[in-house]
Amino acid sequence: ALLPEVEVDIPDTAALDDFDEMLRIAMSVELEPL
């Protein structure tokens, strides 16, 4: 990603580091590999 430096309360990777959230996103995917 292209993210300029900003001090933020919620880390940019908060959801990326959440296994359960990543699993929920993965289970929603409509596309089949091609």
PDB file of all heavy atoms in Angstrom:
ATOM      1  N   ALA A   1       0.839  -1.195   0.000  1.00  0.00           N
ATOM      2  CA  ALA A   1       0.000   0.000   0.000  1.00  0.00           C
ATOM      3  C   ALA A   1       0.875   1.247   0.000  1.00  0.00           C
ATOM      4  O   ALA A   1       2.076   1.188   0.299  1.00  0.00           O
ATOM      5  CB  ALA A   1      -0.913  -0.005   1.220  1.00  0.00           C
ATOM      6  N   LEU A   2       0.281   2.377  -0.346  1.00  0.00           N
ATOM      7  CA  LEU A   2       0.987   3.664  -0.329  1.00  0.00           C
ATOM      8  C   LEU A   2       0.415   4.485   0.821  1.00  0.00           C
ATOM      9  O   LEU A   2      -0.603   5.160   0.685  1.00  0.00           O
ATOM     10  CB  LEU A   2       0.799   4.387  -1.661  1.00  0.00           C
ATOM     11  CG  LEU A   2       1.254   3.623  -2.912  1.00  0.00           C
ATOM     12  CD1 LEU A   2       1.025   4.467  -4.159  1.00  0.00           C
ATOM     13  CD2 LEU A   2       2.715   3.212  -2.804  1.00  0.00           C
ATOM     14  N   LEU A   3       1.083   4.401   1.970  1.00  0.00           N
ATOM     15  CA  LEU A   3       0.576   5.022   3.195  1.00  0.00           C
ATOM     16  C   LEU A   3       1.610   5.987   3.752  1.00  0.00           C
ATOM     17  O   LEU A   3       2.682   5.577   4.216  1.00  0.00           O
ATOM     18  CB  LEU A   3       0.269   3.946   4.247  1.00  0.00           C
ATOM     19  CG  LEU A   3      -0.856   2.968   3.906  1.00  0.00           C
ATOM     20  CD1 LEU A   3      -0.848   1.795   4.873  1.00  0.00           C
ATOM     21  CD2 LEU A   3      -2.201   3.687   3.954  1.00  0.00           C
ATOM     22  N   PRO A   4       1.321   7.287   3.709  1.00  0.00           N
ATOM     23  CA  PRO A   4       2.244   8.248   4.317  1.00  0.00           C
ATOM     24  C   PRO A   4       2.279   8.076   5.827  1.00  0.00           C
ATOM     25  O   PRO A   4       1.351   7.543   6.435  1.00  0.00           O
ATOM     26  CB  PRO A   4       1.641   9.608   3.921  1.00  0.00           C
ATOM     27  CG  PRO A   4       0.193   9.316   3.707  1.00  0.00           C
ATOM     28  CD  PRO A   4       0.115   7.921   3.156  1.00  0.00           C
ATOM     29  N   GLU A   5       3.354   8.524   6.428  1.00  0.00           N
ATOM     30  CA  GLU A   5       3.521   8.392   7.874  1.00  0.00           C
ATOM     31  C   GLU A   5       2.509   9.263   8.618  1.00  0.00           C
ATOM     32  O   GLU A   5       2.458  10.468   8.422  1.00  0.00           O
ATOM     33  CB  GLU A   5       4.937   8.782   8.284  1.00  0.00           C
ATOM     34  CG  GLU A   5       6.018   7.809   7.816  1.00  0.00           C
ATOM     35  CD  GLU A   5       5.905   6.458   8.504  1.00  0.00           C
ATOM     36  OE1 GLU A   5       5.461   6.423   9.666  1.00  0.00           O
ATOM     37  OE2 GLU A   5       6.246   5.441   7.874  1.00  0.00           O
ATOM     38  N   VAL A   6       1.699   8.618   9.444  1.00  0.00           N
ATOM     39  CA  VAL A   6       0.726   9.319  10.273  1.00  0.00           C
ATOM     40  C   VAL A   6       0.635   8.586  11.608  1.00  0.00           C
ATOM     41  O   VAL A   6       0.570   7.347  11.631  1.00  0.00           O
ATOM     42  CB  VAL A   6      -0.683   9.346   9.617  1.00  0.00           C
ATOM     43  CG1 VAL A   6      -1.686  10.036  10.541  1.00  0.00           C
ATOM     44  CG2 VAL A   6      -0.645  10.054   8.280  1.00  0.00           C
ATOM     45  N   GLU A   7       0.666   9.312  12.716  1.00  0.00           N
ATOM     46  CA  GLU A   7       0.460   8.694  14.020  1.00  0.00           C
ATOM     47  C   GLU A   7      -1.031   8.453  14.213  1.00  0.00           C
ATOM     48  O   GLU A   7      -1.823   9.396  14.206  1.00  0.00           O
ATOM     49  CB  GLU A   7       1.011   9.593  15.129  1.00  0.00           C
ATOM     50  CG  GLU A   7       2.524   9.724  15.118  1.00  0.00           C
ATOM     51  CD  GLU A   7       3.042  10.494  16.323  1.00  0.00           C
ATOM     52  OE1 GLU A   7       2.256  10.681  17.278  1.00  0.00           O
ATOM     53  OE2 GLU A   7       4.209  10.901  16.293  1.00  0.00           O
ATOM     54  N   VAL A   8      -1.399   7.181  14.354  1.00  0.00           N
ATOM     55  CA  VAL A   8      -2.809   6.826  14.440  1.00  0.00           C
ATOM     56  C   VAL A   8      -3.048   5.949  15.658  1.00  0.00           C
ATOM     57  O   VAL A   8      -2.144   5.255  16.137  1.00  0.00           O
ATOM     58  CB  VAL A   8      -3.277   6.080  13.170  1.00  0.00           C
ATOM     59  CG1 VAL A   8      -3.255   7.009  11.966  1.00  0.00           C
ATOM     60  CG2 VAL A   8      -2.409   4.860  12.897  1.00  0.00           C
ATOM     61  N   ASP A   9      -4.274   6.008  16.172  1.00  0.00           N
ATOM     62  CA  ASP A   9      -4.631   5.204  17.343  1.00  0.00           C
ATOM     63  C   ASP A   9      -4.790   3.732  16.981  1.00  0.00           C
ATOM     64  O   ASP A   9      -4.463   2.849  17.774  1.00  0.00           O
ATOM     65  CB  ASP A   9      -5.927   5.729  17.972  1.00  0.00           C
ATOM     66  CG  ASP A   9      -5.768   7.125  18.553  1.00  0.00           C
ATOM     67  OD1 ASP A   9      -4.632   7.476  18.933  1.00  0.00           O
ATOM     68  OD2 ASP A   9      -6.770   7.864  18.626  1.00  0.00           O
ATOM     69  N   ILE A  10      -5.357   3.459  15.797  1.00  0.00           N
ATOM     70  CA  ILE A  10      -5.558   2.083  15.340  1.00  0.00           C
ATOM     71  C   ILE A  10      -4.476   1.747  14.316  1.00  0.00           C
ATOM     72  O   ILE A  10      -4.381   2.408  13.280  1.00  0.00           O
ATOM     73  CB  ILE A  10      -6.949   1.907  14.710  1.00  0.00           C
ATOM     74  CG1 ILE A  10      -8.038   2.218  15.737  1.00  0.00           C
ATOM     75  CG2 ILE A  10      -7.127   0.496  14.165  1.00  0.00           C
ATOM     76  CD1 ILE A  10      -9.446   2.137  15.184  1.00  0.00           C
ATOM     77  N   PRO A  11      -3.624   0.757  14.575  1.00  0.00           N
ATOM     78  CA  PRO A  11      -2.557   0.414  13.621  1.00  0.00           C
ATOM     79  C   PRO A  11      -3.126   0.052  12.254  1.00  0.00           C
ATOM     80  O   PRO A  11      -4.220  -0.514  12.143  1.00  0.00           O
ATOM     81  CB  PRO A  11      -1.877  -0.792  14.276  1.00  0.00           C
ATOM     82  CG  PRO A  11      -2.230  -0.711  15.725  1.00  0.00           C
ATOM     83  CD  PRO A  11      -3.598  -0.094  15.782  1.00  0.00           C
ATOM     84  N   ASP A  12      -2.378   0.374  11.206  1.00  0.00           N
ATOM     85  CA  ASP A  12      -2.819   0.064   9.848  1.00  0.00           C
ATOM     86  C   ASP A  12      -2.985  -1.436   9.629  1.00  0.00           C
ATOM     87  O   ASP A  12      -3.712  -1.860   8.731  1.00  0.00           O
ATOM     88  CB  ASP A  12      -1.814   0.604   8.831  1.00  0.00           C
ATOM     89  CG  ASP A  12      -1.763   2.119   8.823  1.00  0.00           C
ATOM     90  OD1 ASP A  12      -2.817   2.736   9.004  1.00  0.00           O
ATOM     91  OD2 ASP A  12      -0.663   2.671   8.635  1.00  0.00           O
ATOM     92  N   THR A  13      -2.317  -2.254  10.459  1.00  0.00           N
ATOM     93  CA  THR A  13      -2.360  -3.704  10.292  1.00  0.00           C
ATOM     94  C   THR A  13      -3.261  -4.389  11.318  1.00  0.00           C
ATOM     95  O   THR A  13      -3.198  -5.620  11.452  1.00  0.00           O
ATOM     96  CB  THR A  13      -0.941  -4.286  10.398  1.00  0.00           C
ATOM     97  OG1 THR A  13      -0.394  -3.953  11.684  1.00  0.00           O
ATOM     98  CG2 THR A  13      -0.032  -3.736   9.309  1.00  0.00           C
ATOM     99  N   ALA A  14      -4.100  -3.636  12.020  1.00  0.00           N
ATOM    100  CA  ALA A  14      -4.911  -4.229  13.087  1.00  0.00           C
ATOM    101  C   ALA A  14      -5.756  -5.392  12.572  1.00  0.00           C
ATOM    102  O   ALA A  14      -5.780  -6.483  13.166  1.00  0.00           O
ATOM    103  CB  ALA A  14      -5.803  -3.168  13.725  1.00  0.00           C
ATOM    104  N   ALA A  15      -6.467  -5.189  11.466  1.00  0.00           N
ATOM    105  CA  ALA A  15      -7.304  -6.256  10.923  1.00  0.00           C
ATOM    106  C   ALA A  15      -6.461  -7.348  10.274  1.00  0.00           C
ATOM    107  O   ALA A  15      -6.809  -8.531  10.336  1.00  0.00           O
ATOM    108  CB  ALA A  15      -8.303  -5.689   9.918  1.00  0.00           C
ATOM    109  N   LEU A  16      -5.345  -6.968   9.659  1.00  0.00           N
ATOM    110  CA  LEU A  16      -4.455  -7.959   9.048  1.00  0.00           C
ATOM    111  C   LEU A  16      -3.913  -8.933  10.086  1.00  0.00           C
ATOM    112  O   LEU A  16      -3.665 -10.110   9.781  1.00  0.00           O
ATOM    113  CB  LEU A  16      -3.287  -7.259   8.357  1.00  0.00           C
ATOM    114  CG  LEU A  16      -3.544  -6.611   6.994  1.00  0.00           C
ATOM    115  CD1 LEU A  16      -2.371  -5.718   6.607  1.00  0.00           C
ATOM    116  CD2 LEU A  16      -3.788  -7.660   5.924  1.00  0.00           C
ATOM    117  N   ASP A  17      -3.723  -8.449  11.309  1.00  0.00           N
ATOM    118  CA  ASP A  17      -3.151  -9.274  12.375  1.00  0.00           C
ATOM    119  C   ASP A  17      -4.203 -10.080  13.131  1.00  0.00           C
ATOM    120  O   ASP A  17      -3.856 -10.848  14.039  1.00  0.00           O
ATOM    121  CB  ASP A  17      -2.392  -8.384  13.361  1.00  0.00           C
ATOM    122  CG  ASP A  17      -1.185  -7.712  12.735  1.00  0.00           C
ATOM    123  OD1 ASP A  17      -0.647  -8.256  11.748  1.00  0.00           O
ATOM    124  OD2 ASP A  17      -0.784  -6.627  13.208  1.00  0.00           O
ATOM    125  N   ASP A  18      -5.469  -9.916  12.750  1.00  0.00           N
ATOM    126  CA  ASP A  18      -6.570 -10.613  13.414  1.00  0.00           C
ATOM    127  C   ASP A  18      -6.931 -11.847  12.589  1.00  0.00           C
ATOM    128  O   ASP A  18      -7.559 -11.744  11.536  1.00  0.00           O
ATOM    129  CB  ASP A  18      -7.767  -9.668  13.550  1.00  0.00           C
ATOM    130  CG  ASP A  18      -8.929 -10.281  14.320  1.00  0.00           C
ATOM    131  OD1 ASP A  18      -9.050 -11.519  14.335  1.00  0.00           O
ATOM    132  OD2 ASP A  18      -9.730  -9.516  14.888  1.00  0.00           O
ATOM    133  N   PHE A  19      -6.535 -13.026  13.067  1.00  0.00           N
ATOM    134  CA  PHE A  19      -6.755 -14.259  12.306  1.00  0.00           C
ATOM    135  C   PHE A  19      -8.227 -14.476  11.994  1.00  0.00           C
ATOM    136  O   PHE A  19      -8.592 -14.848  10.869  1.00  0.00           O
ATOM    137  CB  PHE A  19      -6.204 -15.466  13.073  1.00  0.00           C
ATOM    138  CG  PHE A  19      -6.458 -16.779  12.391  1.00  0.00           C
ATOM    139  CD1 PHE A  19      -5.622 -17.218  11.380  1.00  0.00           C
ATOM    140  CD2 PHE A  19      -7.550 -17.568  12.742  1.00  0.00           C
ATOM    141  CE1 PHE A  19      -5.857 -18.434  10.727  1.00  0.00           C
ATOM    142  CE2 PHE A  19      -7.795 -18.773  12.101  1.00  0.00           C
ATOM    143  CZ  PHE A  19      -6.944 -19.200  11.095  1.00  0.00           C
ATOM    144  N   ASP A  20      -9.094 -14.240  12.969  1.00  0.00           N
ATOM    145  CA  ASP A  20     -10.523 -14.472  12.763  1.00  0.00           C
ATOM    146  C   ASP A  20     -11.088 -13.535  11.699  1.00  0.00           C
ATOM    147  O   ASP A  20     -11.918 -13.948  10.878  1.00  0.00           O
ATOM    148  CB  ASP A  20     -11.284 -14.292  14.078  1.00  0.00           C
ATOM    149  CG  ASP A  20     -10.991 -15.400  15.077  1.00  0.00           C
ATOM    150  OD1 ASP A  20     -10.569 -16.491  14.640  1.00  0.00           O
ATOM    151  OD2 ASP A  20     -11.166 -15.172  16.287  1.00  0.00           O
ATOM    152  N   GLU A  21     -10.654 -12.275  11.715  1.00  0.00           N
ATOM    153  CA  GLU A  21     -11.130 -11.322  10.714  1.00  0.00           C
ATOM    154  C   GLU A  21     -10.643 -11.719   9.326  1.00  0.00           C
ATOM    155  O   GLU A  21     -11.403 -11.674   8.347  1.00  0.00           O
ATOM    156  CB  GLU A  21     -10.657  -9.910  11.058  1.00  0.00           C
ATOM    157  CG  GLU A  21     -11.068  -8.834  10.067  1.00  0.00           C
ATOM    158  CD  GLU A  21     -12.576  -8.641   9.954  1.00  0.00           C
ATOM    159  OE1 GLU A  21     -13.338  -9.168  10.794  1.00  0.00           O
ATOM    160  OE2 GLU A  21     -13.009  -7.951   9.012  1.00  0.00           O
ATOM    161  N   MET A  22      -9.394 -12.128   9.227  1.00  0.00           N
ATOM    162  CA  MET A  22      -8.867 -12.576   7.937  1.00  0.00           C
ATOM    163  C   MET A  22      -9.629 -13.797   7.435  1.00  0.00           C
ATOM    164  O   MET A  22      -9.905 -13.922   6.236  1.00  0.00           O
ATOM    165  CB  MET A  22      -7.379 -12.884   8.075  1.00  0.00           C
ATOM    166  CG  MET A  22      -6.513 -11.658   8.319  1.00  0.00           C
ATOM    167  SD  MET A  22      -6.315 -10.629   6.833  1.00  0.00           S
ATOM    168  CE  MET A  22      -5.047 -11.551   5.965  1.00  0.00           C
ATOM    169  N   LEU A  23     -10.005 -14.682   8.340  1.00  0.00           N
ATOM    170  CA  LEU A  23     -10.757 -15.861   7.943  1.00  0.00           C
ATOM    171  C   LEU A  23     -12.140 -15.478   7.429  1.00  0.00           C
ATOM    172  O   LEU A  23     -12.626 -16.015   6.425  1.00  0.00           O
ATOM    173  CB  LEU A  23     -10.878 -16.826   9.123  1.00  0.00           C
ATOM    174  CG  LEU A  23     -11.609 -18.149   8.853  1.00  0.00           C
ATOM    175  CD1 LEU A  23     -10.901 -18.939   7.752  1.00  0.00           C
ATOM    176  CD2 LEU A  23     -11.706 -18.978  10.137  1.00  0.00           C
ATOM    177  N   ARG A  24     -12.771 -14.519   8.110  1.00  0.00           N
ATOM    178  CA  ARG A  24     -14.096 -14.071   7.655  1.00  0.00           C
ATOM    179  C   ARG A  24     -14.014 -13.452   6.263  1.00  0.00           C
ATOM    180  O   ARG A  24     -14.893 -13.676   5.416  1.00  0.00           O
ATOM    181  CB  ARG A  24     -14.676 -13.078   8.664  1.00  0.00           C
ATOM    182  CG  ARG A  24     -15.158 -13.715   9.959  1.00  0.00           C
ATOM    183  CD  ARG A  24     -15.893 -12.713  10.827  1.00  0.00           C
ATOM    184  NE  ARG A  24     -14.996 -11.737  11.430  1.00  0.00           N
ATOM    185  CZ  ARG A  24     -14.441 -11.872  12.639  1.00  0.00           C
ATOM    186  NH1 ARG A  24     -14.677 -12.959  13.362  1.00  0.00           N
ATOM    187  NH2 ARG A  24     -13.652 -10.940  13.130  1.00  0.00           N
ATOM    188  N   ILE A  25     -12.990 -12.666   6.025  1.00  0.00           N
ATOM    189  CA  ILE A  25     -12.807 -12.066   4.702  1.00  0.00           C
ATOM    190  C   ILE A  25     -12.585 -13.154   3.658  1.00  0.00           C
ATOM    191  O   ILE A  25     -13.189 -13.133   2.572  1.00  0.00           O
ATOM    192  CB  ILE A  25     -11.628 -11.070   4.720  1.00  0.00           C
ATOM    193  CG1 ILE A  25     -11.970  -9.866   5.602  1.00  0.00           C
ATOM    194  CG2 ILE A  25     -11.288 -10.613   3.298  1.00  0.00           C
ATOM    195  CD1 ILE A  25     -10.799  -8.922   5.817  1.00  0.00           C
ATOM    196  N   ALA A  26     -11.743 -14.117   3.979  1.00  0.00           N
ATOM    197  CA  ALA A  26     -11.454 -15.202   3.035  1.00  0.00           C
ATOM    198  C   ALA A  26     -12.714 -15.988   2.695  1.00  0.00           C
ATOM    199  O   ALA A  26     -12.935 -16.371   1.531  1.00  0.00           O
ATOM    200  CB  ALA A  26     -10.398 -16.123   3.622  1.00  0.00           C
ATOM    201  N   MET A  27     -13.570 -16.225   3.689  1.00  0.00           N
ATOM    202  CA  MET A  27     -14.779 -17.013   3.451  1.00  0.00           C
ATOM    203  C   MET A  27     -15.805 -16.271   2.595  1.00  0.00           C
ATOM    204  O   MET A  27     -16.710 -16.886   2.039  1.00  0.00           O
ATOM    205  CB  MET A  27     -15.401 -17.410   4.798  1.00  0.00           C
ATOM    206  CG  MET A  27     -14.563 -18.415   5.580  1.00  0.00           C
ATOM    207  SD  MET A  27     -15.269 -18.794   7.208  1.00  0.00           S
ATOM    208  CE  MET A  27     -16.807 -19.595   6.726  1.00  0.00           C
ATOM    209  N   SER A  28     -15.662 -14.956   2.482  1.00  0.00           N
ATOM    210  CA  SER A  28     -16.619 -14.170   1.694  1.00  0.00           C
ATOM    211  C   SER A  28     -16.282 -14.148   0.205  1.00  0.00           C
ATOM    212  O   SER A  28     -17.114 -13.738  -0.613  1.00  0.00           O
ATOM    213  CB  SER A  28     -16.663 -12.729   2.204  1.00  0.00           C
ATOM    214  OG  SER A  28     -15.501 -12.002   1.819  1.00  0.00           O
ATOM    215  N   VAL A  29     -15.081 -14.553  -0.170  1.00  0.00           N
ATOM    216  CA  VAL A  29     -14.589 -14.388  -1.545  1.00  0.00           C
ATOM    217  C   VAL A  29     -15.469 -15.125  -2.540  1.00  0.00           C
ATOM    218  O   VAL A  29     -15.784 -16.306  -2.366  1.00  0.00           O
ATOM    219  CB  VAL A  29     -13.133 -14.864  -1.658  1.00  0.00           C
ATOM    220  CG1 VAL A  29     -12.673 -14.846  -3.116  1.00  0.00           C
ATOM    221  CG2 VAL A  29     -12.221 -13.971  -0.818  1.00  0.00           C
ATOM    222  N   GLU A  30     -15.848 -14.414  -3.597  1.00  0.00           N
ATOM    223  CA  GLU A  30     -16.673 -14.982  -4.669  1.00  0.00           C
ATOM    224  C   GLU A  30     -15.853 -15.594  -5.804  1.00  0.00           C
ATOM    225  O   GLU A  30     -16.315 -16.494  -6.503  1.00  0.00           O
ATOM    226  CB  GLU A  30     -17.558 -13.895  -5.282  1.00  0.00           C
ATOM    227  CG  GLU A  30     -18.605 -13.312  -4.375  1.00  0.00           C
ATOM    228  CD  GLU A  30     -19.408 -12.271  -5.126  1.00  0.00           C
ATOM    229  OE1 GLU A  30     -18.809 -11.280  -5.601  1.00  0.00           O
ATOM    230  OE2 GLU A  30     -20.619 -12.465  -5.262  1.00  0.00           O
ATOM    231  N   LEU A  31     -14.658 -15.071  -6.031  1.00  0.00           N
ATOM    232  CA  LEU A  31     -13.889 -15.446  -7.213  1.00  0.00           C
ATOM    233  C   LEU A  31     -13.231 -16.805  -7.063  1.00  0.00           C
ATOM    234  O   LEU A  31     -12.664 -17.121  -6.015  1.00  0.00           O
ATOM    235  CB  LEU A  31     -12.801 -14.394  -7.477  1.00  0.00           C
ATOM    236  CG  LEU A  31     -13.270 -12.973  -7.791  1.00  0.00           C
ATOM    237  CD1 LEU A  31     -12.068 -12.073  -7.985  1.00  0.00           C
ATOM    238  CD2 LEU A  31     -14.149 -12.962  -9.030  1.00  0.00           C
ATOM    239  N   GLU A  32     -13.269 -17.581  -8.142  1.00  0.00           N
ATOM    240  CA  GLU A  32     -12.522 -18.826  -8.220  1.00  0.00           C
ATOM    241  C   GLU A  32     -11.149 -18.536  -8.826  1.00  0.00           C
ATOM    242  O   GLU A  32     -11.008 -17.648  -9.671  1.00  0.00           O
ATOM    243  CB  GLU A  32     -13.269 -19.845  -9.087  1.00  0.00           C
ATOM    244  CG  GLU A  32     -14.613 -20.292  -8.525  1.00  0.00           C
ATOM    245  CD  GLU A  32     -14.466 -21.119  -7.268  1.00  0.00           C
ATOM    246  OE1 GLU A  32     -13.392 -21.765  -7.101  1.00  0.00           O
ATOM    247  OE2 GLU A  32     -15.410 -21.115  -6.445  1.00  0.00           O
ATOM    248  N   PRO A  33     -10.125 -19.280  -8.406  1.00  0.00           N
ATOM    249  CA  PRO A  33      -8.795 -19.062  -8.986  1.00  0.00           C
ATOM    250  C   PRO A  33      -8.807 -19.254 -10.505  1.00  0.00           C
ATOM    251  O   PRO A  33      -9.537 -20.098 -11.033  1.00  0.00           O
ATOM    252  CB  PRO A  33      -7.934 -20.123  -8.300  1.00  0.00           C
ATOM    253  CG  PRO A  33      -8.653 -20.445  -7.036  1.00  0.00           C
ATOM    254  CD  PRO A  33     -10.114 -20.307  -7.354  1.00  0.00           C
ATOM    255  N   LEU A  34      -8.006 -18.461 -11.173  1.00  0.00           N
ATOM    256  CA  LEU A  34      -7.929 -18.522 -12.638  1.00  0.00           C
ATOM    257  C   LEU A  34      -6.468 -18.340 -13.042  1.00  0.00           C
ATOM    258  O   LEU A  34      -5.813 -17.380 -12.601  1.00  0.00           O
ATOM    259  CB  LEU A  34      -8.794 -17.427 -13.261  1.00  0.00           C
ATOM    260  CG  LEU A  34      -8.765 -17.290 -14.781  1.00  0.00           C
ATOM    261  CD1 LEU A  34      -9.396 -18.515 -15.430  1.00  0.00           C
ATOM    262  CD2 LEU A  34      -9.496 -16.027 -15.227  1.00  0.00           C
TER     263      LEU A  34
END
